[in-house]
C-alpha atoms as a PDB file:
ATOM      1  CA  UNK A   1     -25.930  24.366 -15.555  1.00  0.00           C
ATOM      2  CA  UNK A   2     -24.494  21.774 -17.723  1.00  0.00           C
ATOM      3  CA  UNK A   3     -23.630  18.234 -15.648  1.00  0.00           C
ATOM      4  CA  UNK A   4     -21.560  15.280 -17.436  1.00  0.00           C
ATOM      5  CA  UNK A   5     -22.248  12.071 -15.506  1.00  0.00           C
ATOM      6  CA  UNK A   6     -19.409   9.604 -16.446  1.00  0.00           C
ATOM      7  CA  UNK A   7     -20.318   6.007 -15.638  1.00  0.00           C
ATOM      8  CA  UNK A   8     -23.806   6.521 -16.475  1.00  0.00           C
ATOM      9  CA  UNK A   9     -24.595   2.921 -16.713  1.00  0.00           C
ATOM     10  CA  UNK A  10     -23.554   1.983 -13.510  1.00  0.00           C
ATOM     11  CA  UNK A  11     -26.045   1.577 -10.315  1.00  0.00           C
ATOM     12  CA  UNK A  12     -24.989   5.066  -9.359  1.00  0.00           C
ATOM     13  CA  UNK A  13     -24.245   6.826 -12.116  1.00  0.00           C
ATOM     14  CA  UNK A  14     -27.757   5.826 -13.758  1.00  0.00           C
ATOM     15  CA  UNK A  15     -29.514   7.081 -10.625  1.00  0.00           C
ATOM     16  CA  UNK A  16     -27.842  10.502 -10.350  1.00  0.00           C
ATOM     17  CA  UNK A  17     -28.535  11.141 -14.343  1.00  0.00           C
ATOM     18  CA  UNK A  18     -32.299  10.162 -13.512  1.00  0.00           C
ATOM     19  CA  UNK A  19     -32.602  12.273 -10.723  1.00  0.00           C
ATOM     20  CA  UNK A  20     -31.045  14.882 -12.452  1.00  0.00           C
ATOM     21  CA  UNK A  21     -33.143  15.089 -15.588  1.00  0.00           C
ATOM     22  CA  UNK A  22     -36.158  14.529 -13.084  1.00  0.00           C
ATOM     23  CA  UNK A  23     -35.065  17.990 -11.498  1.00  0.00           C
ATOM     24  CA  UNK A  24     -34.674  20.034 -14.792  1.00  0.00           C
ATOM     25  CA  UNK A  25     -30.800  19.835 -14.613  1.00  0.00           C
ATOM     26  CA  UNK A  26     -29.344  19.699 -18.269  1.00  0.00           C
ATOM     27  CA  UNK A  27     -27.753  16.264 -17.868  1.00  0.00           C
ATOM     28  CA  UNK A  28     -25.611  14.216 -20.040  1.00  0.00           C
ATOM     29  CA  UNK A  29     -24.738  10.912 -19.624  1.00  0.00           C
ATOM     30  CA  UNK A  30     -21.368   8.814 -20.877  1.00  0.00           C
ATOM     31  CA  UNK A  31     -20.320   5.340 -20.908  1.00  0.00           C
ATOM     32  CA  UNK A  32     -18.357   2.954 -22.342  1.00  0.00           C
ATOM     33  CA  UNK A  33     -18.696   1.993 -25.258  1.00  0.00           C
ATOM     34  CA  UNK A  34     -19.111   5.694 -26.255  1.00  0.00           C
ATOM     35  CA  UNK A  35     -16.335   7.134 -23.735  1.00  0.00           C
ATOM     36  CA  UNK A  36     -13.421   5.193 -22.332  1.00  0.00           C
ATOM     37  CA  UNK A  37     -11.917   8.035 -19.704  1.00  0.00           C
ATOM     38  CA  UNK A  38      -8.670   5.509 -19.791  1.00  0.00           C
ATOM     39  CA  UNK A  39      -8.233   6.899 -23.042  1.00  0.00           C
ATOM     40  CA  UNK A  40      -6.816  10.265 -22.809  1.00  0.00           C
ATOM     41  CA  UNK A  41      -7.929  11.071 -26.433  1.00  0.00           C
ATOM     42  CA  UNK A  42     -11.597  10.210 -25.532  1.00  0.00           C
ATOM     43  CA  UNK A  43     -11.801  12.165 -22.638  1.00  0.00           C
ATOM     44  CA  UNK A  44     -10.280  15.278 -23.993  1.00  0.00           C
ATOM     45  CA  UNK A  45     -13.265  14.753 -26.586  1.00  0.00           C
ATOM     46  CA  UNK A  46     -15.319  14.592 -23.979  1.00  0.00           C
ATOM     47  CA  UNK A  47     -14.885  17.937 -22.458  1.00  0.00           C
ATOM     48  CA  UNK A  48     -14.696  19.853 -26.000  1.00  0.00           C
ATOM     49  CA  UNK A  49     -17.819  18.276 -27.116  1.00  0.00           C
ATOM     50  CA  UNK A  50     -19.889  18.675 -24.334  1.00  0.00           C
ATOM     51  CA  UNK A  51     -18.050  21.572 -22.427  1.00  0.00           C
ATOM     52  CA  UNK A  52     -19.701  20.749 -19.067  1.00  0.00           C
ATOM     53  CA  UNK A  53     -19.799  23.310 -16.163  1.00  0.00           C
ATOM     54  CA  UNK A  54     -19.434  20.461 -13.996  1.00  0.00           C
ATOM     55  CA  UNK A  55     -18.145  16.955 -14.042  1.00  0.00           C
ATOM     56  CA  UNK A  56     -19.683  13.903 -11.755  1.00  0.00           C
ATOM     57  CA  UNK A  57     -17.324  10.777 -12.165  1.00  0.00           C
ATOM     58  CA  UNK A  58     -18.961   7.413 -11.154  1.00  0.00           C
ATOM     59  CA  UNK A  59     -17.279   5.253 -13.334  1.00  0.00           C
ATOM     60  CA  UNK A  60     -14.758   2.718 -11.347  1.00  0.00           C
ATOM     61  CA  UNK A  61     -13.922  -0.771 -11.134  1.00  0.00           C
ATOM     62  CA  UNK A  62     -15.638  -2.209  -8.271  1.00  0.00           C
ATOM     63  CA  UNK A  63     -15.148  -5.834  -8.685  1.00  0.00           C
ATOM     64  CA  UNK A  64     -12.955  -6.519  -5.462  1.00  0.00           C
ATOM     65  CA  UNK A  65     -12.091  -9.853  -5.824  1.00  0.00           C
ATOM     66  CA  UNK A  66     -11.282  -9.300  -9.318  1.00  0.00           C
ATOM     67  CA  UNK A  67      -9.133  -6.133  -8.563  1.00  0.00           C
ATOM     68  CA  UNK A  68      -6.375  -8.834  -6.741  1.00  0.00           C
ATOM     69  CA  UNK A  69      -5.797 -10.511 -10.521  1.00  0.00           C
ATOM     70  CA  UNK A  70      -6.486  -7.498 -12.776  1.00  0.00           C
ATOM     71  CA  UNK A  71      -4.517  -5.061 -10.896  1.00  0.00           C
ATOM     72  CA  UNK A  72      -3.492  -3.371 -14.248  1.00  0.00           C
ATOM     73  CA  UNK A  73      -7.049  -2.869 -14.632  1.00  0.00           C
ATOM     74  CA  UNK A  74      -8.154  -1.611 -11.515  1.00  0.00           C
ATOM     75  CA  UNK A  75      -5.409   1.036 -11.529  1.00  0.00           C
ATOM     76  CA  UNK A  76      -5.933   2.346 -14.582  1.00  0.00           C
ATOM     77  CA  UNK A  77      -9.663   3.031 -14.089  1.00  0.00           C
ATOM     78  CA  UNK A  78      -9.394   3.855 -10.275  1.00  0.00           C
ATOM     79  CA  UNK A  79      -6.422   6.258 -10.586  1.00  0.00           C
ATOM     80  CA  UNK A  80      -4.937   6.810 -13.627  1.00  0.00           C
ATOM     81  CA  UNK A  81      -8.288   7.865 -15.180  1.00  0.00           C
ATOM     82  CA  UNK A  82      -9.710   9.898 -12.532  1.00  0.00           C
ATOM     83  CA  UNK A  83      -5.951  12.018 -12.395  1.00  0.00           C
ATOM     84  CA  UNK A  84      -6.432  12.610 -15.913  1.00  0.00           C
ATOM     85  CA  UNK A  85      -9.653  13.726 -15.266  1.00  0.00           C
ATOM     86  CA  UNK A  86      -8.812  16.105 -12.557  1.00  0.00           C
ATOM     87  CA  UNK A  87      -6.098  17.221 -14.972  1.00  0.00           C
ATOM     88  CA  UNK A  88      -8.500  18.251 -17.684  1.00  0.00           C
ATOM     89  CA  UNK A  89     -11.079  19.876 -15.426  1.00  0.00           C
ATOM     90  CA  UNK A  90      -8.573  22.087 -14.129  1.00  0.00           C
ATOM     91  CA  UNK A  91      -7.226  23.194 -17.503  1.00  0.00           C
ATOM     92  CA  UNK A  92     -10.895  23.793 -18.394  1.00  0.00           C
ATOM     93  CA  UNK A  93     -11.514  25.794 -14.951  1.00  0.00           C
ATOM     94  CA  UNK A  94     -14.315  22.709 -14.389  1.00  0.00           C
ATOM     95  CA  UNK A  95     -15.215  21.237 -10.472  1.00  0.00           C
ATOM     96  CA  UNK A  96     -15.107  17.464 -10.292  1.00  0.00           C
ATOM     97  CA  UNK A  97     -17.431  15.249  -8.050  1.00  0.00           C
ATOM     98  CA  UNK A  98     -15.720  11.874  -7.417  1.00  0.00           C
ATOM     99  CA  UNK A  99     -16.451   8.819  -5.827  1.00  0.00           C
ATOM    100  CA  UNK A 100     -14.776   6.543  -3.259  1.00  0.00           C
ATOM    101  CA  UNK A 101     -14.696   3.995  -1.046  1.00  0.00           C
ATOM    102  CA  UNK A 102     -14.850   2.884   2.946  1.00  0.00           C
ATOM    103  CA  UNK A 103     -12.423   0.494   2.007  1.00  0.00           C
ATOM    104  CA  UNK A 104      -9.182   3.300   2.253  1.00  0.00           C
ATOM    105  CA  UNK A 105      -9.533   2.437   5.838  1.00  0.00           C
ATOM    106  CA  UNK A 106      -7.931  -0.875   7.160  1.00  0.00           C
ATOM    107  CA  UNK A 107     -10.856  -1.906   9.354  1.00  0.00           C
ATOM    108  CA  UNK A 108      -8.940  -2.304  12.620  1.00  0.00           C
ATOM    109  CA  UNK A 109     -10.990   0.349  14.750  1.00  0.00           C
ATOM    110  CA  UNK A 110     -14.576   0.181  16.154  1.00  0.00           C
ATOM    111  CA  UNK A 111     -15.464   4.066  15.766  1.00  0.00           C
ATOM    112  CA  UNK A 112     -16.862   5.214  12.194  1.00  0.00           C
ATOM    113  CA  UNK A 113     -14.080   6.750  10.229  1.00  0.00           C
ATOM    114  CA  UNK A 114     -13.370  10.765   9.803  1.00  0.00           C
ATOM    115  CA  UNK A 115     -12.042  11.992   6.849  1.00  0.00           C
ATOM    116  CA  UNK A 116      -8.900  13.154   8.459  1.00  0.00           C
ATOM    117  CA  UNK A 117      -8.410   9.650   9.986  1.00  0.00           C
ATOM    118  CA  UNK A 118      -5.478   7.827   8.681  1.00  0.00           C
ATOM    119  CA  UNK A 119      -5.947   5.518   5.580  1.00  0.00           C
ATOM    120  CA  UNK A 120      -4.417   1.824   5.100  1.00  0.00           C
ATOM    121  CA  UNK A 121      -6.221  -0.252   2.352  1.00  0.00           C
ATOM    122  CA  UNK A 122      -6.035  -4.114   2.967  1.00  0.00           C
ATOM    123  CA  UNK A 123      -6.771  -4.855  -0.588  1.00  0.00           C
ATOM    124  CA  UNK A 124      -6.176  -3.796  -4.224  1.00  0.00           C
ATOM    125  CA  UNK A 125      -9.358  -2.346  -4.990  1.00  0.00           C
ATOM    126  CA  UNK A 126      -8.978  -0.231  -1.786  1.00  0.00           C
ATOM    127  CA  UNK A 127      -5.557   0.968  -2.883  1.00  0.00           C
ATOM    128  CA  UNK A 128      -6.821   1.793  -6.470  1.00  0.00           C
ATOM    129  CA  UNK A 129      -9.086   4.218  -5.054  1.00  0.00           C
ATOM    130  CA  UNK A 130      -6.735   5.458  -2.856  1.00  0.00           C
ATOM    131  CA  UNK A 131      -4.507   6.577  -4.991  1.00  0.00           C
ATOM    132  CA  UNK A 132      -7.224   7.853  -7.291  1.00  0.00           C
ATOM    133  CA  UNK A 133      -8.075  10.271  -4.562  1.00  0.00           C
ATOM    134  CA  UNK A 134      -4.280  11.391  -4.387  1.00  0.00           C
ATOM    135  CA  UNK A 135      -4.293  12.107  -7.876  1.00  0.00           C
ATOM    136  CA  UNK A 136      -7.444  14.036  -7.858  1.00  0.00           C
ATOM    137  CA  UNK A 137      -6.016  16.230  -4.706  1.00  0.00           C
ATOM    138  CA  UNK A 138      -2.662  16.562  -6.417  1.00  0.00           C
ATOM    139  CA  UNK A 139      -4.383  17.990  -9.893  1.00  0.00           C
ATOM    140  CA  UNK A 140      -7.344  19.736  -8.853  1.00  0.00           C
ATOM    141  CA  UNK A 141      -8.429  22.524  -6.247  1.00  0.00           C
ATOM    142  CA  UNK A 142     -12.186  22.694  -7.145  1.00  0.00           C
ATOM    143  CA  UNK A 143     -13.015  18.893  -6.210  1.00  0.00           C
ATOM    144  CA  UNK A 144     -15.377  16.824  -3.975  1.00  0.00           C
ATOM    145  CA  UNK A 145     -14.397  13.488  -3.315  1.00  0.00           C
ATOM    146  CA  UNK A 146     -17.161  11.574  -1.510  1.00  0.00           C
ATOM    147  CA  UNK A 147     -16.447   8.388   0.318  1.00  0.00           C
ATOM    148  CA  UNK A 148     -19.436   5.942   0.767  1.00  0.00           C
ATOM    149  CA  UNK A 149     -19.596   2.418   1.269  1.00  0.00           C
ATOM    150  CA  UNK A 150     -21.904  -0.871   0.751  1.00  0.00           C
ATOM    151  CA  UNK A 151     -23.852   0.970  -2.138  1.00  0.00           C
ATOM    152  CA  UNK A 152     -26.848  -0.525  -3.505  1.00  0.00           C
ATOM    153  CA  UNK A 153     -30.077   0.672  -6.039  1.00  0.00           C
ATOM    154  CA  UNK A 154     -32.538  -0.604  -8.471  1.00  0.00           C
ATOM    155  CA  UNK A 155     -30.055  -0.437 -11.175  1.00  0.00           C
ATOM    156  CA  UNK A 156     -27.158  -2.636 -11.995  1.00  0.00           C
ATOM    157  CA  UNK A 157     -25.797  -5.735  -9.988  1.00  0.00           C
ATOM    158  CA  UNK A 158     -25.432  -4.763  -6.121  1.00  0.00           C
ATOM    159  CA  UNK A 159     -25.867  -7.077  -2.591  1.00  0.00           C
ATOM    160  CA  UNK A 160     -29.792  -6.301  -2.104  1.00  0.00           C
ATOM    161  CA  UNK A 161     -30.979  -7.615  -5.610  1.00  0.00           C
ATOM    162  CA  UNK A 162     -28.051 -10.787  -5.132  1.00  0.00           C
ATOM    163  CA  UNK A 163     -30.169 -11.554  -1.948  1.00  0.00           C
ATOM    164  CA  UNK A 164     -33.231 -10.697  -3.387  1.00  0.00           C
ATOM    165  CA  UNK A 165     -32.462 -13.765  -6.166  1.00  0.00           C
ATOM    166  CA  UNK A 166     -31.335 -16.048  -3.647  1.00  0.00           C
ATOM    167  CA  UNK A 167     -33.968 -15.702  -1.750  1.00  0.00           C
ATOM    168  CA  UNK A 168     -36.170 -17.203  -4.104  1.00  0.00           C
ATOM    169  CA  UNK A 169     -34.158 -19.862  -4.917  1.00  0.00           C
ATOM    170  CA  UNK A 170     -32.777 -21.020  -1.708  1.00  0.00           C
ATOM    171  CA  UNK A 171     -33.970 -22.489   1.518  1.00  0.00           C
ATOM    172  CA  UNK A 172     -30.505 -21.295   3.514  1.00  0.00           C
ATOM    173  CA  UNK A 173     -28.344 -18.801   2.809  1.00  0.00           C
ATOM    174  CA  UNK A 174     -24.944 -18.324   4.509  1.00  0.00           C
ATOM    175  CA  UNK A 175     -23.892 -14.459   5.163  1.00  0.00           C
ATOM    176  CA  UNK A 176     -20.757 -12.990   6.921  1.00  0.00           C
ATOM    177  CA  UNK A 177     -21.794 -11.638  10.428  1.00  0.00           C
ATOM    178  CA  UNK A 178     -18.515 -10.179  11.305  1.00  0.00           C
ATOM    179  CA  UNK A 179     -18.220  -7.267   9.040  1.00  0.00           C
ATOM    180  CA  UNK A 180     -19.126  -4.153  10.095  1.00  0.00           C
ATOM    181  CA  UNK A 181     -20.316  -1.221   7.872  1.00  0.00           C
ATOM    182  CA  UNK A 182     -23.567   1.138   6.611  1.00  0.00           C
ATOM    183  CA  UNK A 183     -25.444   0.431   3.621  1.00  0.00           C
ATOM    184  CA  UNK A 184     -26.109   3.433   1.253  1.00  0.00           C
ATOM    185  CA  UNK A 185     -29.012   3.665  -1.082  1.00  0.00           C
ATOM    186  CA  UNK A 186     -27.676   5.067  -4.261  1.00  0.00           C
ATOM    187  CA  UNK A 187     -30.990   7.282  -4.171  1.00  0.00           C
ATOM    188  CA  UNK A 188     -29.978   9.136  -1.155  1.00  0.00           C
ATOM    189  CA  UNK A 189     -26.415   9.684  -2.292  1.00  0.00           C
ATOM    190  CA  UNK A 190     -27.673  10.968  -5.744  1.00  0.00           C
ATOM    191  CA  UNK A 191     -29.959  13.493  -4.135  1.00  0.00           C
ATOM    192  CA  UNK A 192     -26.779  14.543  -1.598  1.00  0.00           C
ATOM    193  CA  UNK A 193     -24.701  14.752  -4.765  1.00  0.00           C
ATOM    194  CA  UNK A 194     -27.434  17.031  -6.917  1.00  0.00           C
ATOM    195  CA  UNK A 195     -27.716  19.044  -3.659  1.00  0.00           C
ATOM    196  CA  UNK A 196     -23.872  19.812  -3.876  1.00  0.00           C
ATOM    197  CA  UNK A 197     -24.063  20.396  -7.565  1.00  0.00           C
ATOM    198  CA  UNK A 198     -26.752  23.413  -6.768  1.00  0.00           C
ATOM    199  CA  UNK A 199     -24.285  25.082  -4.219  1.00  0.00           C
ATOM    200  CA  UNK A 200     -21.607  24.518  -7.083  1.00  0.00           C
ATOM    201  CA  UNK A 201     -24.236  26.252  -9.867  1.00  0.00           C
ATOM    202  CA  UNK A 202     -25.203  28.726  -6.901  1.00  0.00           C
ATOM    203  CA  UNK A 203     -21.260  29.755  -6.344  1.00  0.00           C
ATOM    204  CA  UNK A 204     -21.911  29.375  -2.462  1.00  0.00           C
ATOM    205  CA  UNK A 205     -18.760  29.298  -0.845  1.00  0.00           C
ATOM    206  CA  UNK A 206     -17.676  25.691  -1.385  1.00  0.00           C
ATOM    207  CA  UNK A 207     -15.768  24.046   1.326  1.00  0.00           C
ATOM    208  CA  UNK A 208     -13.830  21.644  -1.356  1.00  0.00           C
ATOM    209  CA  UNK A 209     -12.348  18.419  -0.425  1.00  0.00           C
ATOM    210  CA  UNK A 210     -12.902  14.764   0.913  1.00  0.00           C
ATOM    211  CA  UNK A 211     -16.560  13.946   2.493  1.00  0.00           C
ATOM    212  CA  UNK A 212     -18.180  10.508   4.005  1.00  0.00           C
ATOM    213  CA  UNK A 213     -21.846   9.866   2.880  1.00  0.00           C
ATOM    214  CA  UNK A 214     -23.457   6.130   3.827  1.00  0.00           C
ATOM    215  CA  UNK A 215     -26.439   5.471   5.268  1.00  0.00           C
ATOM    216  CA  UNK A 216     -26.965   6.023   9.018  1.00  0.00           C
ATOM    217  CA  UNK A 217     -26.372   3.266  11.231  1.00  0.00           C
ATOM    218  CA  UNK A 218     -24.202   0.303  11.555  1.00  0.00           C
ATOM    219  CA  UNK A 219     -24.742  -3.255  10.814  1.00  0.00           C
ATOM    220  CA  UNK A 220     -23.498  -6.495   9.240  1.00  0.00           C
ATOM    221  CA  UNK A 221     -24.002  -7.903   6.164  1.00  0.00           C
ATOM    222  CA  UNK A 222     -25.947 -10.826   8.017  1.00  0.00           C
ATOM    223  CA  UNK A 223     -28.376  -8.674   9.499  1.00  0.00           C
ATOM    224  CA  UNK A 224     -28.373  -6.300   6.176  1.00  0.00           C
ATOM    225  CA  UNK A 225     -29.689  -9.899   4.644  1.00  0.00           C
ATOM    226  CA  UNK A 226     -31.988 -10.417   6.957  1.00  0.00           C
ATOM    227  CA  UNK A 227     -33.807  -6.936   6.951  1.00  0.00           C
ATOM    228  CA  UNK A 228     -33.742  -7.813   3.062  1.00  0.00           C
ATOM    229  CA  UNK A 229     -35.759 -10.705   3.527  1.00  0.00           C
ATOM    230  CA  UNK A 230     -38.036  -9.063   5.976  1.00  0.00           C
ATOM    231  CA  UNK A 231     -38.894  -6.486   4.052  1.00  0.00           C
ATOM    232  CA  UNK A 232     -39.375  -8.349   0.234  1.00  0.00           C
ATOM    233  CA  UNK A 233     -41.418 -11.119   1.917  1.00  0.00           C
ATOM    234  CA  UNK A 234     -44.552  -8.931   2.089  1.00  0.00           C
ATOM    235  CA  UNK A 235     -44.007  -7.901  -1.755  1.00  0.00           C
ATOM    236  CA  UNK A 236     -43.053 -11.233  -3.535  1.00  0.00           C
ATOM    237  CA  UNK A 237     -42.567 -14.795  -2.890  1.00  0.00           C
ATOM    238  CA  UNK A 238     -39.437 -16.196  -1.211  1.00  0.00           C
ATOM    239  CA  UNK A 239     -38.557 -19.634  -0.472  1.00  0.00           C
ATOM    240  CA  UNK A 240     -35.671 -18.767   2.353  1.00  0.00           C
ATOM    241  CA  UNK A 241     -36.414 -19.896   5.799  1.00  0.00           C
ATOM    242  CA  UNK A 242     -32.758 -19.424   7.213  1.00  0.00           C
ATOM    243  CA  UNK A 243     -30.100 -17.012   7.340  1.00  0.00           C
ATOM    244  CA  UNK A 244     -27.090 -18.571   8.480  1.00  0.00           C
ATOM    245  CA  UNK A 245     -24.230 -16.205  10.360  1.00  0.00           C
ATOM    246  CA  UNK A 246     -20.859 -17.263   9.317  1.00  0.00           C
ATOM    247  CA  UNK A 247     -17.483 -16.002  10.212  1.00  0.00           C
ATOM    248  CA  UNK A 248     -15.372 -14.111   7.056  1.00  0.00           C
ATOM    249  CA  UNK A 249     -12.864 -16.672   7.681  1.00  0.00           C
ATOM    250  CA  UNK A 250     -15.142 -19.257   6.035  1.00  0.00           C
ATOM    251  CA  UNK A 251     -16.101 -16.973   3.255  1.00  0.00           C
ATOM    252  CA  UNK A 252     -13.583 -17.636   1.170  1.00  0.00           C
ATOM    253  CA  UNK A 253     -12.445 -14.958  -1.252  1.00  0.00           C
ATOM    254  CA  UNK A 254      -9.379 -13.282  -2.914  1.00  0.00           C
ATOM    255  CA  UNK A 255      -9.384  -9.976  -1.521  1.00  0.00           C
ATOM    256  CA  UNK A 256      -9.430  -9.171   2.294  1.00  0.00           C
ATOM    257  CA  UNK A 257     -12.215  -7.202   3.345  1.00  0.00           C
ATOM    258  CA  UNK A 258     -12.046  -4.372   6.501  1.00  0.00           C
ATOM    259  CA  UNK A 259     -13.955  -5.883   9.796  1.00  0.00           C
ATOM    260  CA  UNK A 260     -15.338  -2.531  10.839  1.00  0.00           C
ATOM    261  CA  UNK A 261     -15.657   0.356   7.748  1.00  0.00           C
ATOM    262  CA  UNK A 262     -18.397   2.274   9.422  1.00  0.00           C
ATOM    263  CA  UNK A 263     -18.138   6.086   8.155  1.00  0.00           C
ATOM    264  CA  UNK A 264     -18.649   9.390  10.387  1.00  0.00           C
ATOM    265  CA  UNK A 265     -20.759  12.035   8.048  1.00  0.00           C
ATOM    266  CA  UNK A 266     -20.817  14.704  10.213  1.00  0.00           C
ATOM    267  CA  UNK A 267     -18.436  16.771   7.874  1.00  0.00           C
ATOM    268  CA  UNK A 268     -21.033  16.556   4.972  1.00  0.00           C
ATOM    269  CA  UNK A 269     -23.793  17.771   7.216  1.00  0.00           C
ATOM    270  CA  UNK A 270     -21.561  20.610   8.552  1.00  0.00           C
ATOM    271  CA  UNK A 271     -20.695  22.078   5.271  1.00  0.00           C
ATOM    272  CA  UNK A 272     -23.976  21.188   2.922  1.00  0.00           C
ATOM    273  CA  UNK A 273     -26.481  20.716   5.048  1.00  0.00           C
ATOM    274  CA  UNK A 274     -26.740  17.362   4.300  1.00  0.00           C
ATOM    275  CA  UNK A 275     -28.402  14.481   6.860  1.00  0.00           C
ATOM    276  CA  UNK A 276     -28.010  11.058   6.064  1.00  0.00           C
ATOM    277  CA  UNK A 277     -31.073   8.824   6.271  1.00  0.00           C
ATOM    278  CA  UNK A 278     -31.383   5.447   8.638  1.00  0.00           C
ATOM    279  CA  UNK A 279     -30.386   2.693   6.450  1.00  0.00           C
ATOM    280  CA  UNK A 280     -33.366   0.243   7.146  1.00  0.00           C
ATOM    281  CA  UNK A 281     -35.555   3.379   5.914  1.00  0.00           C
ATOM    282  CA  UNK A 282     -33.783   3.534   2.640  1.00  0.00           C
ATOM    283  CA  UNK A 283     -33.781   0.244   2.102  1.00  0.00           C
ATOM    284  CA  UNK A 284     -37.402  -0.681   2.407  1.00  0.00           C
ATOM    285  CA  UNK A 285     -38.119   2.629  -0.049  1.00  0.00           C
ATOM    286  CA  UNK A 286     -35.475   0.984  -2.444  1.00  0.00           C
ATOM    287  CA  UNK A 287     -37.179  -2.258  -2.551  1.00  0.00           C
ATOM    288  CA  UNK A 288     -40.778  -1.031  -2.910  1.00  0.00           C
ATOM    289  CA  UNK A 289     -39.349   0.862  -5.804  1.00  0.00           C
ATOM    290  CA  UNK A 290     -37.507  -2.147  -7.303  1.00  0.00           C
ATOM    291  CA  UNK A 291     -40.768  -4.145  -7.045  1.00  0.00           C
ATOM    292  CA  UNK A 292     -43.419  -1.632  -8.372  1.00  0.00           C
ATOM    293  CA  UNK A 293     -40.949  -0.381 -11.016  1.00  0.00           C
END
């Protein structure tokens, strides 16, 4: 099966590409500046040149605060480009796997969100991702949209790597303690995506649509950061001694964040047999891998 991964330089796209190649899949990764999916001509050329049997779109504008001032760019990347990809996939008869976010929800609940729960983003980033979902649904029947949350991995920029850096630079760090969610390893998510790809390849009866995938368990950014330091201190030298919990009102940012954005992942298990992994275990695996590699 010929799979094109768009956004292969990002933390998720990179991981999907590495895992796919390791398991013998015929993978082609594309990213800027080679292919700009906001450019219609380049997107068409991508399909005609590589003739994929499956497209995985891991490209996104992910700077949550930046989206508040770069609205046009955020919507062009997160809404318009996925919509055009879906149109091209429909034209060429190709399925699409696309990634969305927990930030499509307003965070006012206290029970993990299901795929069918009402959406109401509280920031531009979440709105742009939601409208991207809707564009895909309107253009392409054979799609899988995976909403995920608090993504981290060994490649690219993310919260875990930022904390590891701060742990070497500061004796005390302040971390928000009143936002709840589920950290997700790019390695775990990539494994699940390739499992879905194998279902598509085998022409198994696919339940197309939207699914949730995140690490198992709910935590706060503060507890998450404390766990990062607890795991890492046995592998590297850290000077951090205190992780101070602070309310989100103290942390000044341009974009609002949902206070609670944990996701219910039962549907992806029901339809694809995919079980999520405990976030603490996956975090330990990632940190060990990070320092070993």
